[in-house]
Amino acid sequence: MNLNDAFPSNYLKSDDLKGREVKVTIANYKMEKLGDETKLVLFFEGKDKGMVCNKTNANRIAHFYGQNLDGWKGKEILLGTELVDFQGKTTEALRVKGGSKPSSDDGAPFDDSEIPF
């Protein structure tokens, strides 16, 4: 049994992507109270888990689709992971890697295979 199976989460984690980059479509968003803070959570079409959206990822989406969160609905993003330093440790973090489906000539197709979230 995997440790993540023993402690399931309502929110997407880097482990959920299993090393892949995955195209998702933003269905909605809301502000949710998590602990002592209120955070932006994105929800995706056909997916059960929401993604707690940090400022880095929000800025990346805004780069592609603008500052108005309502304008993000129905837009595709590419999710992946990258190594980051967090609280003095190197760890995998969820990252928005792209804003729309790349053209066929750039050699970076989305992985449309089924993912378990």
PDB file of N, CA and C in Angstrom:
ATOM      1  N   MET A   1       0.845  -1.182   0.000  1.00  0.00           N
ATOM      2  CA  MET A   1       0.000   0.000   0.000  1.00  0.00           C
ATOM      3  C   MET A   1       0.888   1.242   0.000  1.00  0.00           C
ATOM      4  N   ASN A   2       0.490   2.213  -0.793  1.00  0.00           N
ATOM      5  CA  ASN A   2       1.188   3.485  -0.866  1.00  0.00           C
ATOM      6  C   ASN A   2       0.730   4.384   0.281  1.00  0.00           C
ATOM      7  N   LEU A   3       1.649   5.151   0.848  1.00  0.00           N
ATOM      8  CA  LEU A   3       1.319   6.058   1.941  1.00  0.00           C
ATOM      9  C   LEU A   3       0.223   7.033   1.545  1.00  0.00           C
ATOM     10  N   ASN A   4       0.221   7.508   0.300  1.00  0.00           N
ATOM     11  CA  ASN A   4      -0.827   8.428  -0.158  1.00  0.00           C
ATOM     12  C   ASN A   4      -2.200   7.769  -0.170  1.00  0.00           C
ATOM     13  N   ASP A   5      -2.241   6.438  -0.338  1.00  0.00           N
ATOM     14  CA  ASP A   5      -3.511   5.719  -0.281  1.00  0.00           C
ATOM     15  C   ASP A   5      -4.040   5.660   1.154  1.00  0.00           C
ATOM     16  N   ALA A   6      -3.143   5.636   2.113  1.00  0.00           N
ATOM     17  CA  ALA A   6      -3.540   5.596   3.517  1.00  0.00           C
ATOM     18  C   ALA A   6      -4.065   6.939   3.997  1.00  0.00           C
ATOM     19  N   PHE A   7      -3.606   8.026   3.365  1.00  0.00           N
ATOM     20  CA  PHE A   7      -4.015   9.370   3.753  1.00  0.00           C
ATOM     21  C   PHE A   7      -4.461  10.145   2.516  1.00  0.00           C
ATOM     22  N   PRO A   8      -5.630   9.803   1.960  1.00  0.00           N
ATOM     23  CA  PRO A   8      -6.075  10.473   0.744  1.00  0.00           C
ATOM     24  C   PRO A   8      -6.372  11.949   0.988  1.00  0.00           C
ATOM     25  N   SER A   9      -6.259  12.741  -0.072  1.00  0.00           N
ATOM     26  CA  SER A   9      -6.474  14.176   0.014  1.00  0.00           C
ATOM     27  C   SER A   9      -7.546  14.599  -0.980  1.00  0.00           C
ATOM     28  N   ASN A  10      -8.276  15.655  -0.631  1.00  0.00           N
ATOM     29  CA  ASN A  10      -9.250  16.234  -1.554  1.00  0.00           C
ATOM     30  C   ASN A  10      -8.578  17.124  -2.590  1.00  0.00           C
ATOM     31  N   TYR A  11      -7.295  17.384  -2.386  1.00  0.00           N
ATOM     32  CA  TYR A  11      -6.567  18.309  -3.250  1.00  0.00           C
ATOM     33  C   TYR A  11      -5.469  17.582  -4.022  1.00  0.00           C
ATOM     34  N   LEU A  12      -5.247  18.042  -5.230  1.00  0.00           N
ATOM     35  CA  LEU A  12      -4.226  17.494  -6.098  1.00  0.00           C
ATOM     36  C   LEU A  12      -2.842  17.704  -5.492  1.00  0.00           C
ATOM     37  N   LYS A  13      -2.020  16.661  -5.584  1.00  0.00           N
ATOM     38  CA  LYS A  13      -0.627  16.725  -5.129  1.00  0.00           C
ATOM     39  C   LYS A  13       0.274  16.343  -6.298  1.00  0.00           C
ATOM     40  N   SER A  14       1.526  16.700  -6.195  1.00  0.00           N
ATOM     41  CA  SER A  14       2.469  16.373  -7.271  1.00  0.00           C
ATOM     42  C   SER A  14       2.529  14.868  -7.509  1.00  0.00           C
ATOM     43  N   ASP A  15       2.409  14.062  -6.477  1.00  0.00           N
ATOM     44  CA  ASP A  15       2.434  12.599  -6.632  1.00  0.00           C
ATOM     45  C   ASP A  15       1.297  12.092  -7.509  1.00  0.00           C
ATOM     46  N   ASP A  16       0.170  12.799  -7.519  1.00  0.00           N
ATOM     47  CA  ASP A  16      -0.980  12.371  -8.314  1.00  0.00           C
ATOM     48  C   ASP A  16      -0.677  12.357  -9.813  1.00  0.00           C
ATOM     49  N   LEU A  17       0.262  13.183 -10.252  1.00  0.00           N
ATOM     50  CA  LEU A  17       0.578  13.243 -11.676  1.00  0.00           C
ATOM     51  C   LEU A  17       1.492  12.111 -12.128  1.00  0.00           C
ATOM     52  N   LYS A  18       2.115  11.441 -11.184  1.00  0.00           N
ATOM     53  CA  LYS A  18       2.977  10.290 -11.478  1.00  0.00           C
ATOM     54  C   LYS A  18       4.033  10.619 -12.535  1.00  0.00           C
ATOM     55  N   GLY A  19       4.625  11.822 -12.422  1.00  0.00           N
ATOM     56  CA  GLY A  19       5.714  12.224 -13.300  1.00  0.00           C
ATOM     57  C   GLY A  19       5.295  12.695 -14.684  1.00  0.00           C
ATOM     58  N   ARG A  20       4.001  12.754 -14.953  1.00  0.00           N
ATOM     59  CA  ARG A  20       3.515  13.152 -16.284  1.00  0.00           C
ATOM     60  C   ARG A  20       3.110  14.620 -16.311  1.00  0.00           C
ATOM     61  N   GLU A  21       3.043  15.169 -17.505  1.00  0.00           N
ATOM     62  CA  GLU A  21       2.424  16.466 -17.721  1.00  0.00           C
ATOM     63  C   GLU A  21       1.047  16.190 -18.298  1.00  0.00           C
ATOM     64  N   VAL A  22       0.027  16.848 -17.741  1.00  0.00           N
ATOM     65  CA  VAL A  22      -1.344  16.513 -18.075  1.00  0.00           C
ATOM     66  C   VAL A  22      -2.124  17.785 -18.408  1.00  0.00           C
ATOM     67  N   LYS A  23      -2.886  17.725 -19.493  1.00  0.00           N
ATOM     68  CA  LYS A  23      -3.752  18.829 -19.886  1.00  0.00           C
ATOM     69  C   LYS A  23      -5.051  18.740 -19.098  1.00  0.00           C
ATOM     70  N   VAL A  24      -5.473  19.853 -18.523  1.00  0.00           N
ATOM     71  CA  VAL A  24      -6.758  19.931 -17.836  1.00  0.00           C
ATOM     72  C   VAL A  24      -7.451  21.214 -18.279  1.00  0.00           C
ATOM     73  N   THR A  25      -8.765  21.233 -18.115  1.00  0.00           N
ATOM     74  CA  THR A  25      -9.553  22.421 -18.427  1.00  0.00           C
ATOM     75  C   THR A  25     -10.132  22.959 -17.131  1.00  0.00           C
ATOM     76  N   ILE A  26      -9.913  24.240 -16.889  1.00  0.00           N
ATOM     77  CA  ILE A  26     -10.412  24.868 -15.663  1.00  0.00           C
ATOM     78  C   ILE A  26     -11.935  24.964 -15.749  1.00  0.00           C
ATOM     79  N   ALA A  27     -12.614  24.358 -14.788  1.00  0.00           N
ATOM     80  CA  ALA A  27     -14.074  24.386 -14.742  1.00  0.00           C
ATOM     81  C   ALA A  27     -14.564  25.521 -13.857  1.00  0.00           C
ATOM     82  N   ASN A  28     -13.880  25.720 -12.744  1.00  0.00           N
ATOM     83  CA  ASN A  28     -14.338  26.704 -11.777  1.00  0.00           C
ATOM     84  C   ASN A  28     -13.231  26.966 -10.773  1.00  0.00           C
ATOM     85  N   TYR A  29     -13.480  27.899  -9.897  1.00  0.00           N
ATOM     86  CA  TYR A  29     -12.559  28.209  -8.809  1.00  0.00           C
ATOM     87  C   TYR A  29     -13.371  28.686  -7.619  1.00  0.00           C
ATOM     88  N   LYS A  30     -12.772  28.613  -6.447  1.00  0.00           N
ATOM     89  CA  LYS A  30     -13.365  29.229  -5.270  1.00  0.00           C
ATOM     90  C   LYS A  30     -12.268  29.464  -4.242  1.00  0.00           C
ATOM     91  N   MET A  31     -12.558  30.339  -3.329  1.00  0.00           N
ATOM     92  CA  MET A  31     -11.661  30.602  -2.216  1.00  0.00           C
ATOM     93  C   MET A  31     -12.092  29.683  -1.074  1.00  0.00           C
ATOM     94  N   GLU A  32     -11.147  28.901  -0.540  1.00  0.00           N
ATOM     95  CA  GLU A  32     -11.456  27.962   0.538  1.00  0.00           C
ATOM     96  C   GLU A  32     -10.568  28.237   1.733  1.00  0.00           C
ATOM     97  N   LYS A  33     -11.136  28.083   2.912  1.00  0.00           N
ATOM     98  CA  LYS A  33     -10.383  28.224   4.148  1.00  0.00           C
ATOM     99  C   LYS A  33      -9.623  26.930   4.386  1.00  0.00           C
ATOM    100  N   LEU A  34      -8.296  27.029   4.426  1.00  0.00           N
ATOM    101  CA  LEU A  34      -7.423  25.882   4.692  1.00  0.00           C
ATOM    102  C   LEU A  34      -6.550  26.256   5.876  1.00  0.00           C
ATOM    103  N   GLY A  35      -6.848  25.659   7.015  1.00  0.00           N
ATOM    104  CA  GLY A  35      -6.140  26.058   8.224  1.00  0.00           C
ATOM    105  C   GLY A  35      -6.513  27.483   8.578  1.00  0.00           C
ATOM    106  N   ASP A  36      -5.509  28.324   8.778  1.00  0.00           N
ATOM    107  CA  ASP A  36      -5.740  29.724   9.139  1.00  0.00           C
ATOM    108  C   ASP A  36      -5.806  30.648   7.932  1.00  0.00           C
ATOM    109  N   GLU A  37      -5.621  30.099   6.736  1.00  0.00           N
ATOM    110  CA  GLU A  37      -5.554  30.933   5.536  1.00  0.00           C
ATOM    111  C   GLU A  37      -6.693  30.607   4.570  1.00  0.00           C
ATOM    112  N   THR A  38      -7.033  31.586   3.749  1.00  0.00           N
ATOM    113  CA  THR A  38      -7.980  31.379   2.664  1.00  0.00           C
ATOM    114  C   THR A  38      -7.182  31.317   1.370  1.00  0.00           C
ATOM    115  N   LYS A  39      -7.395  30.252   0.611  1.00  0.00           N
ATOM    116  CA  LYS A  39      -6.579  30.009  -0.585  1.00  0.00           C
ATOM    117  C   LYS A  39      -7.471  29.826  -1.810  1.00  0.00           C
ATOM    118  N   LEU A  40      -6.907  30.145  -2.963  1.00  0.00           N
ATOM    119  CA  LEU A  40      -7.562  29.917  -4.241  1.00  0.00           C
ATOM    120  C   LEU A  40      -7.460  28.434  -4.595  1.00  0.00           C
ATOM    121  N   VAL A  41      -8.590  27.820  -4.927  1.00  0.00           N
ATOM    122  CA  VAL A  41      -8.613  26.413  -5.338  1.00  0.00           C
ATOM    123  C   VAL A  41      -9.251  26.345  -6.716  1.00  0.00           C
ATOM    124  N   LEU A  42      -8.564  25.701  -7.651  1.00  0.00           N
ATOM    125  CA  LEU A  42      -9.070  25.505  -9.003  1.00  0.00           C
ATOM    126  C   LEU A  42      -9.662  24.112  -9.124  1.00  0.00           C
ATOM    127  N   PHE A  43     -10.740  24.015  -9.900  1.00  0.00           N
ATOM    128  CA  PHE A  43     -11.377  22.732 -10.168  1.00  0.00           C
ATOM    129  C   PHE A  43     -11.370  22.512 -11.667  1.00  0.00           C
ATOM    130  N   PHE A  44     -11.215  21.246 -12.071  1.00  0.00           N
ATOM    131  CA  PHE A  44     -11.031  20.901 -13.469  1.00  0.00           C
ATOM    132  C   PHE A  44     -12.153  20.002 -13.963  1.00  0.00           C
ATOM    133  N   GLU A  45     -12.506  20.178 -15.238  1.00  0.00           N
ATOM    134  CA  GLU A  45     -13.550  19.364 -15.852  1.00  0.00           C
ATOM    135  C   GLU A  45     -13.184  17.887 -15.763  1.00  0.00           C
ATOM    136  N   GLY A  46     -14.118  17.086 -15.269  1.00  0.00           N
ATOM    137  CA  GLY A  46     -13.940  15.643 -15.224  1.00  0.00           C
ATOM    138  C   GLY A  46     -12.990  15.142 -14.152  1.00  0.00           C
ATOM    139  N   LYS A  47     -12.554  16.005 -13.246  1.00  0.00           N
ATOM    140  CA  LYS A  47     -11.614  15.603 -12.188  1.00  0.00           C
ATOM    141  C   LYS A  47     -12.252  15.830 -10.824  1.00  0.00           C
ATOM    142  N   ASP A  48     -11.936  14.942  -9.883  1.00  0.00           N
ATOM    143  CA  ASP A  48     -12.518  15.022  -8.547  1.00  0.00           C
ATOM    144  C   ASP A  48     -11.773  15.979  -7.628  1.00  0.00           C
ATOM    145  N   LYS A  49     -10.464  16.043  -7.771  1.00  0.00           N
ATOM    146  CA  LYS A  49      -9.657  16.834  -6.853  1.00  0.00           C
ATOM    147  C   LYS A  49      -9.458  18.257  -7.364  1.00  0.00           C
ATOM    148  N   GLY A  50      -9.505  19.202  -6.433  1.00  0.00           N
ATOM    149  CA  GLY A  50      -9.156  20.574  -6.750  1.00  0.00           C
ATOM    150  C   GLY A  50      -7.664  20.785  -6.536  1.00  0.00           C
ATOM    151  N   MET A  51      -7.146  21.856  -7.112  1.00  0.00           N
ATOM    152  CA  MET A  51      -5.730  22.190  -6.946  1.00  0.00           C
ATOM    153  C   MET A  51      -5.624  23.498  -6.173  1.00  0.00           C
ATOM    154  N   VAL A  52      -4.968  23.443  -5.021  1.00  0.00           N
ATOM    155  CA  VAL A  52      -4.679  24.663  -4.288  1.00  0.00           C
ATOM    156  C   VAL A  52      -3.678  25.434  -5.141  1.00  0.00           C
ATOM    157  N   CYS A  53      -4.055  26.642  -5.526  1.00  0.00           N
ATOM    158  CA  CYS A  53      -3.269  27.408  -6.488  1.00  0.00           C
ATOM    159  C   CYS A  53      -2.423  28.443  -5.754  1.00  0.00           C
ATOM    160  N   ASN A  54      -1.115  28.257  -5.779  1.00  0.00           N
ATOM    161  CA  ASN A  54      -0.229  29.230  -5.149  1.00  0.00           C
ATOM    162  C   ASN A  54      -0.007  30.417  -6.089  1.00  0.00           C
ATOM    163  N   LYS A  55       0.705  31.420  -5.615  1.00  0.00           N
ATOM    164  CA  LYS A  55       0.902  32.636  -6.402  1.00  0.00           C
ATOM    165  C   LYS A  55       1.688  32.376  -7.678  1.00  0.00           C
ATOM    166  N   THR A  56       2.683  31.504  -7.616  1.00  0.00           N
ATOM    167  CA  THR A  56       3.468  31.174  -8.811  1.00  0.00           C
ATOM    168  C   THR A  56       2.570  30.628  -9.908  1.00  0.00           C
ATOM    169  N   ASN A  57       1.730  29.645  -9.577  1.00  0.00           N
ATOM    170  CA  ASN A  57       0.851  29.054 -10.581  1.00  0.00           C
ATOM    171  C   ASN A  57      -0.222  30.035 -11.039  1.00  0.00           C
ATOM    172  N   ALA A  58      -0.751  30.830 -10.115  1.00  0.00           N
ATOM    173  CA  ALA A  58      -1.755  31.834 -10.494  1.00  0.00           C
ATOM    174  C   ALA A  58      -1.149  32.843 -11.470  1.00  0.00           C
ATOM    175  N   ASN A  59       0.076  33.273 -11.218  1.00  0.00           N
ATOM    176  CA  ASN A  59       0.730  34.222 -12.119  1.00  0.00           C
ATOM    177  C   ASN A  59       0.987  33.609 -13.494  1.00  0.00           C
ATOM    178  N   ARG A  60       1.294  32.323 -13.520  1.00  0.00           N
ATOM    179  CA  ARG A  60       1.519  31.659 -14.807  1.00  0.00           C
ATOM    180  C   ARG A  60       0.218  31.579 -15.608  1.00  0.00           C
ATOM    181  N   ILE A  61      -0.878  31.246 -14.936  1.00  0.00           N
ATOM    182  CA  ILE A  61      -2.165  31.202 -15.643  1.00  0.00           C
ATOM    183  C   ILE A  61      -2.535  32.609 -16.112  1.00  0.00           C
ATOM    184  N   ALA A  62      -2.322  33.607 -15.255  1.00  0.00           N
ATOM    185  CA  ALA A  62      -2.624  34.992 -15.629  1.00  0.00           C
ATOM    186  C   ALA A  62      -1.793  35.440 -16.823  1.00  0.00           C
ATOM    187  N   HIS A  63      -0.584  34.929 -16.950  1.00  0.00           N
ATOM    188  CA  HIS A  63       0.257  35.253 -18.093  1.00  0.00           C
ATOM    189  C   HIS A  63      -0.428  34.842 -19.404  1.00  0.00           C
ATOM    190  N   PHE A  64      -1.085  33.688 -19.384  1.00  0.00           N
ATOM    191  CA  PHE A  64      -1.746  33.176 -20.576  1.00  0.00           C
ATOM    192  C   PHE A  64      -3.150  33.743 -20.771  1.00  0.00           C
ATOM    193  N   TYR A  65      -3.885  33.923 -19.666  1.00  0.00           N
ATOM    194  CA  TYR A  65      -5.320  34.199 -19.778  1.00  0.00           C
ATOM    195  C   TYR A  65      -5.790  35.476 -19.089  1.00  0.00           C
ATOM    196  N   GLY A  66      -4.890  36.241 -18.506  1.00  0.00           N
ATOM    197  CA  GLY A  66      -5.273  37.498 -17.888  1.00  0.00           C
ATOM    198  C   GLY A  66      -5.544  37.388 -16.399  1.00  0.00           C
ATOM    199  N   GLN A  67      -5.743  38.527 -15.780  1.00  0.00           N
ATOM    200  CA  GLN A  67      -5.900  38.624 -14.328  1.00  0.00           C
ATOM    201  C   GLN A  67      -7.307  38.256 -13.836  1.00  0.00           C
ATOM    202  N   ASN A  68      -8.305  38.289 -14.703  1.00  0.00           N
ATOM    203  CA  ASN A  68      -9.682  38.023 -14.311  1.00  0.00           C
ATOM    204  C   ASN A  68      -9.911  36.517 -14.203  1.00  0.00           C
ATOM    205  N   LEU A  69     -10.116  36.039 -12.995  1.00  0.00           N
ATOM    206  CA  LEU A  69     -10.287  34.603 -12.775  1.00  0.00           C
ATOM    207  C   LEU A  69     -11.486  34.033 -13.514  1.00  0.00           C
ATOM    208  N   ASP A  70     -12.535  34.814 -13.710  1.00  0.00           N
ATOM    209  CA  ASP A  70     -13.688  34.318 -14.466  1.00  0.00           C
ATOM    210  C   ASP A  70     -13.289  33.996 -15.903  1.00  0.00           C
ATOM    211  N   GLY A  71     -12.297  34.697 -16.430  1.00  0.00           N
ATOM    212  CA  GLY A  71     -11.808  34.440 -17.781  1.00  0.00           C
ATOM    213  C   GLY A  71     -11.012  33.152 -17.902  1.00  0.00           C
ATOM    214  N   TRP A  72     -10.659  32.545 -16.787  1.00  0.00           N
ATOM    215  CA  TRP A  72      -9.910  31.287 -16.804  1.00  0.00           C
ATOM    216  C   TRP A  72     -10.818  30.084 -17.055  1.00  0.00           C
ATOM    217  N   LYS A  73     -12.110  30.240 -16.755  1.00  0.00           N
ATOM    218  CA  LYS A  73     -13.037  29.115 -16.904  1.00  0.00           C
ATOM    219  C   LYS A  73     -13.079  28.665 -18.361  1.00  0.00           C
ATOM    220  N   GLY A  74     -12.984  27.353 -18.544  1.00  0.00           N
ATOM    221  CA  GLY A  74     -13.011  26.778 -19.879  1.00  0.00           C
ATOM    222  C   GLY A  74     -11.665  26.784 -20.586  1.00  0.00           C
ATOM    223  N   LYS A  75     -10.632  27.306 -19.934  1.00  0.00           N
ATOM    224  CA  LYS A  75      -9.307  27.379 -20.545  1.00  0.00           C
ATOM    225  C   LYS A  75      -8.479  26.157 -20.152  1.00  0.00           C
ATOM    226  N   GLU A  76      -7.643  25.719 -21.083  1.00  0.00           N
ATOM    227  CA  GLU A  76      -6.755  24.581 -20.835  1.00  0.00           C
ATOM    228  C   GLU A  76      -5.433  25.053 -20.253  1.00  0.00           C
ATOM    229  N   ILE A  77      -4.927  24.248 -19.318  1.00  0.00           N
ATOM    230  CA  ILE A  77      -3.574  24.450 -18.812  1.00  0.00           C
ATOM    231  C   ILE A  77      -2.872  23.107 -18.798  1.00  0.00           C
ATOM    232  N   LEU A  78      -1.574  23.163 -18.823  1.00  0.00           N
ATOM    233  CA  LEU A  78      -0.757  21.962 -18.733  1.00  0.00           C
ATOM    234  C   LEU A  78      -0.160  21.924 -17.336  1.00  0.00           C
ATOM    235  N   LEU A  79      -0.450  20.856 -16.596  1.00  0.00           N
ATOM    236  CA  LEU A  79       0.091  20.677 -15.249  1.00  0.00           C
ATOM    237  C   LEU A  79       1.242  19.694 -15.285  1.00  0.00           C
ATOM    238  N   GLY A  80       2.249  19.981 -14.513  1.00  0.00           N
ATOM    239  CA  GLY A  80       3.382  19.086 -14.353  1.00  0.00           C
ATOM    240  C   GLY A  80       4.003  19.343 -12.996  1.00  0.00           C
ATOM    241  N   THR A  81       5.200  18.858 -12.817  1.00  0.00           N
ATOM    242  CA  THR A  81       5.913  19.093 -11.568  1.00  0.00           C
ATOM    243  C   THR A  81       7.302  19.625 -11.877  1.00  0.00           C
ATOM    244  N   GLU A  82       7.877  20.264 -10.893  1.00  0.00           N
ATOM    245  CA  GLU A  82       9.291  20.641 -10.976  1.00  0.00           C
ATOM    246  C   GLU A  82       9.845  20.677  -9.562  1.00  0.00           C
ATOM    247  N   LEU A  83      11.157  20.524  -9.480  1.00  0.00           N
ATOM    248  CA  LEU A  83      11.815  20.571  -8.183  1.00  0.00           C
ATOM    249  C   LEU A  83      11.874  22.009  -7.690  1.00  0.00           C
ATOM    250  N   VAL A  84      11.527  22.197  -6.423  1.00  0.00           N
ATOM    251  CA  VAL A  84      11.597  23.512  -5.793  1.00  0.00           C
ATOM    252  C   VAL A  84      12.210  23.346  -4.405  1.00  0.00           C
ATOM    253  N   ASP A  85      12.738  24.429  -3.882  1.00  0.00           N
ATOM    254  CA  ASP A  85      13.186  24.451  -2.494  1.00  0.00           C
ATOM    255  C   ASP A  85      12.038  24.967  -1.647  1.00  0.00           C
ATOM    256  N   PHE A  86      11.619  24.181  -0.652  1.00  0.00           N
ATOM    257  CA  PHE A  86      10.516  24.549   0.221  1.00  0.00           C
ATOM    258  C   PHE A  86      10.906  24.235   1.648  1.00  0.00           C
ATOM    259  N   GLN A  87      10.935  25.266   2.472  1.00  0.00           N
ATOM    260  CA  GLN A  87      11.297  25.129   3.881  1.00  0.00           C
ATOM    261  C   GLN A  87      12.618  24.385   4.052  1.00  0.00           C
ATOM    262  N   GLY A  88      13.584  24.737   3.210  1.00  0.00           N
ATOM    263  CA  GLY A  88      14.930  24.185   3.318  1.00  0.00           C
ATOM    264  C   GLY A  88      15.120  22.807   2.730  1.00  0.00           C
ATOM    265  N   LYS A  89      14.084  22.266   2.068  1.00  0.00           N
ATOM    266  CA  LYS A  89      14.185  20.940   1.468  1.00  0.00           C
ATOM    267  C   LYS A  89      13.835  21.021  -0.015  1.00  0.00           C
ATOM    268  N   THR A  90      14.454  20.181  -0.808  1.00  0.00           N
ATOM    269  CA  THR A  90      14.099  20.073  -2.209  1.00  0.00           C
ATOM    270  C   THR A  90      12.952  19.088  -2.334  1.00  0.00           C
ATOM    271  N   THR A  91      11.896  19.507  -3.044  1.00  0.00           N
ATOM    272  CA  THR A  91      10.707  18.682  -3.171  1.00  0.00           C
ATOM    273  C   THR A  91      10.056  18.920  -4.530  1.00  0.00           C
ATOM    274  N   GLU A  92       9.211  18.006  -4.950  1.00  0.00           N
ATOM    275  CA  GLU A  92       8.436  18.175  -6.175  1.00  0.00           C
ATOM    276  C   GLU A  92       7.245  19.076  -5.870  1.00  0.00           C
ATOM    277  N   ALA A  93       6.973  19.998  -6.773  1.00  0.00           N
ATOM    278  CA  ALA A  93       5.822  20.892  -6.626  1.00  0.00           C
ATOM    279  C   ALA A  93       5.001  20.870  -7.899  1.00  0.00           C
ATOM    280  N   LEU A  94       3.688  21.030  -7.752  1.00  0.00           N
ATOM    281  CA  LEU A  94       2.818  21.169  -8.914  1.00  0.00           C
ATOM    282  C   LEU A  94       3.133  22.484  -9.597  1.00  0.00           C
ATOM    283  N   ARG A  95       3.189  22.470 -10.923  1.00  0.00           N
ATOM    284  CA  ARG A  95       3.448  23.697 -11.669  1.00  0.00           C
ATOM    285  C   ARG A  95       2.597  23.736 -12.934  1.00  0.00           C
ATOM    286  N   VAL A  96       2.092  24.925 -13.216  1.00  0.00           N
ATOM    287  CA  VAL A  96       1.456  25.181 -14.495  1.00  0.00           C
ATOM    288  C   VAL A  96       2.587  25.330 -15.497  1.00  0.00           C
ATOM    289  N   LYS A  97       2.595  24.472 -16.507  1.00  0.00           N
ATOM    290  CA  LYS A  97       3.685  24.432 -17.479  1.00  0.00           C
ATOM    291  C   LYS A  97       3.334  25.129 -18.779  1.00  0.00           C
ATOM    292  N   GLY A  98       2.056  25.270 -19.062  1.00  0.00           N
ATOM    293  CA  GLY A  98       1.640  25.896 -20.306  1.00  0.00           C
ATOM    294  C   GLY A  98       0.199  26.322 -20.236  1.00  0.00           C
ATOM    295  N   GLY A  99      -0.172  27.153 -21.216  1.00  0.00           N
ATOM    296  CA  GLY A  99      -1.498  27.731 -21.170  1.00  0.00           C
ATOM    297  C   GLY A  99      -2.481  27.179 -22.171  1.00  0.00           C
ATOM    298  N   SER A 100      -2.015  26.624 -23.250  1.00  0.00           N
ATOM    299  CA  SER A 100      -2.932  26.066 -24.235  1.00  0.00           C
ATOM    300  C   SER A 100      -2.201  24.986 -24.999  1.00  0.00           C
ATOM    301  N   LYS A 101      -2.957  24.218 -25.722  1.00  0.00           N
ATOM    302  CA  LYS A 101      -2.352  23.085 -26.425  1.00  0.00           C
ATOM    303  C   LYS A 101      -1.272  23.576 -27.379  1.00  0.00           C
ATOM    304  N   PRO A 102      -0.062  23.045 -27.242  1.00  0.00           N
ATOM    305  CA  PRO A 102       1.018  23.483 -28.123  1.00  0.00           C
ATOM    306  C   PRO A 102       0.753  23.090 -29.571  1.00  0.00           C
ATOM    307  N   SER A 103       1.336  23.835 -30.478  1.00  0.00           N
ATOM    308  CA  SER A 103       1.214  23.476 -31.886  1.00  0.00           C
ATOM    309  C   SER A 103       1.975  22.182 -32.134  1.00  0.00           C
ATOM    310  N   SER A 104       1.600  21.491 -33.193  1.00  0.00           N
ATOM    311  CA  SER A 104       2.187  20.177 -33.458  1.00  0.00           C
ATOM    312  C   SER A 104       3.671  20.246 -33.804  1.00  0.00           C
ATOM    313  N   ASP A 105       4.170  21.427 -34.154  1.00  0.00           N
ATOM    314  CA  ASP A 105       5.564  21.509 -34.571  1.00  0.00           C
ATOM    315  C   ASP A 105       6.532  21.807 -33.430  1.00  0.00           C
ATOM    316  N   ASP A 106       6.023  22.018 -32.209  1.00  0.00           N
ATOM    317  CA  ASP A 106       6.978  22.350 -31.154  1.00  0.00           C
ATOM    318  C   ASP A 106       7.453  21.128 -30.371  1.00  0.00           C
ATOM    319  N   GLY A 107       6.936  19.953 -30.681  1.00  0.00           N
ATOM    320  CA  GLY A 107       7.449  18.719 -30.102  1.00  0.00           C
ATOM    321  C   GLY A 107       7.075  18.481 -28.661  1.00  0.00           C
ATOM    322  N   ALA A 108       6.070  19.186 -28.137  1.00  0.00           N
ATOM    323  CA  ALA A 108       5.689  19.015 -26.738  1.00  0.00           C
ATOM    324  C   ALA A 108       4.202  18.703 -26.616  1.00  0.00           C
ATOM    325  N   PRO A 109       3.769  17.519 -27.067  1.00  0.00           N
ATOM    326  CA  PRO A 109       2.344  17.205 -27.002  1.00  0.00           C
ATOM    327  C   PRO A 109       1.889  16.979 -25.563  1.00  0.00           C
ATOM    328  N   PHE A 110       0.625  17.267 -25.316  1.00  0.00           N
ATOM    329  CA  PHE A 110       0.048  16.974 -24.012  1.00  0.00           C
ATOM    330  C   PHE A 110      -0.107  15.468 -23.852  1.00  0.00           C
ATOM    331  N   ASP A 111      -0.040  15.003 -22.616  1.00  0.00           N
ATOM    332  CA  ASP A 111      -0.340  13.608 -22.303  1.00  0.00           C
ATOM    333  C   ASP A 111      -1.812  13.557 -21.921  1.00  0.00           C
ATOM    334  N   ASP A 112      -2.662  13.032 -22.803  1.00  0.00           N
ATOM    335  CA  ASP A 112      -4.091  12.992 -22.570  1.00  0.00           C
ATOM    336  C   ASP A 112      -4.535  11.697 -21.889  1.00  0.00           C
ATOM    337  N   SER A 113      -3.601  10.875 -21.437  1.00  0.00           N
ATOM    338  CA  SER A 113      -3.985   9.607 -20.831  1.00  0.00           C
ATOM    339  C   SER A 113      -4.689   9.848 -19.493  1.00  0.00           C
ATOM    340  N   GLU A 114      -5.431   8.868 -19.076  1.00  0.00           N
ATOM    341  CA  GLU A 114      -6.203   8.957 -17.849  1.00  0.00           C
ATOM    342  C   GLU A 114      -5.308   9.078 -16.629  1.00  0.00           C
ATOM    343  N   ILE A 115      -5.654   9.996 -15.735  1.00  0.00           N
ATOM    344  CA  ILE A 115      -4.928  10.117 -14.475  1.00  0.00           C
ATOM    345  C   ILE A 115      -5.911   9.957 -13.336  1.00  0.00           C
ATOM    346  N   PRO A 116      -5.468   9.447 -12.189  1.00  0.00           N
ATOM    347  CA  PRO A 116      -6.387   9.073 -11.112  1.00  0.00           C
ATOM    348  C   PRO A 116      -6.694  10.190 -10.125  1.00  0.00           C
ATOM    349  N   PHE A 117      -7.172  11.332 -10.601  1.00  0.00           N
ATOM    350  CA  PHE A 117      -7.616  12.350  -9.622  1.00  0.00           C
ATOM    351  C   PHE A 117      -8.897  12.990 -10.073  1.00  0.00           C
TER     352      PHE A 117
END
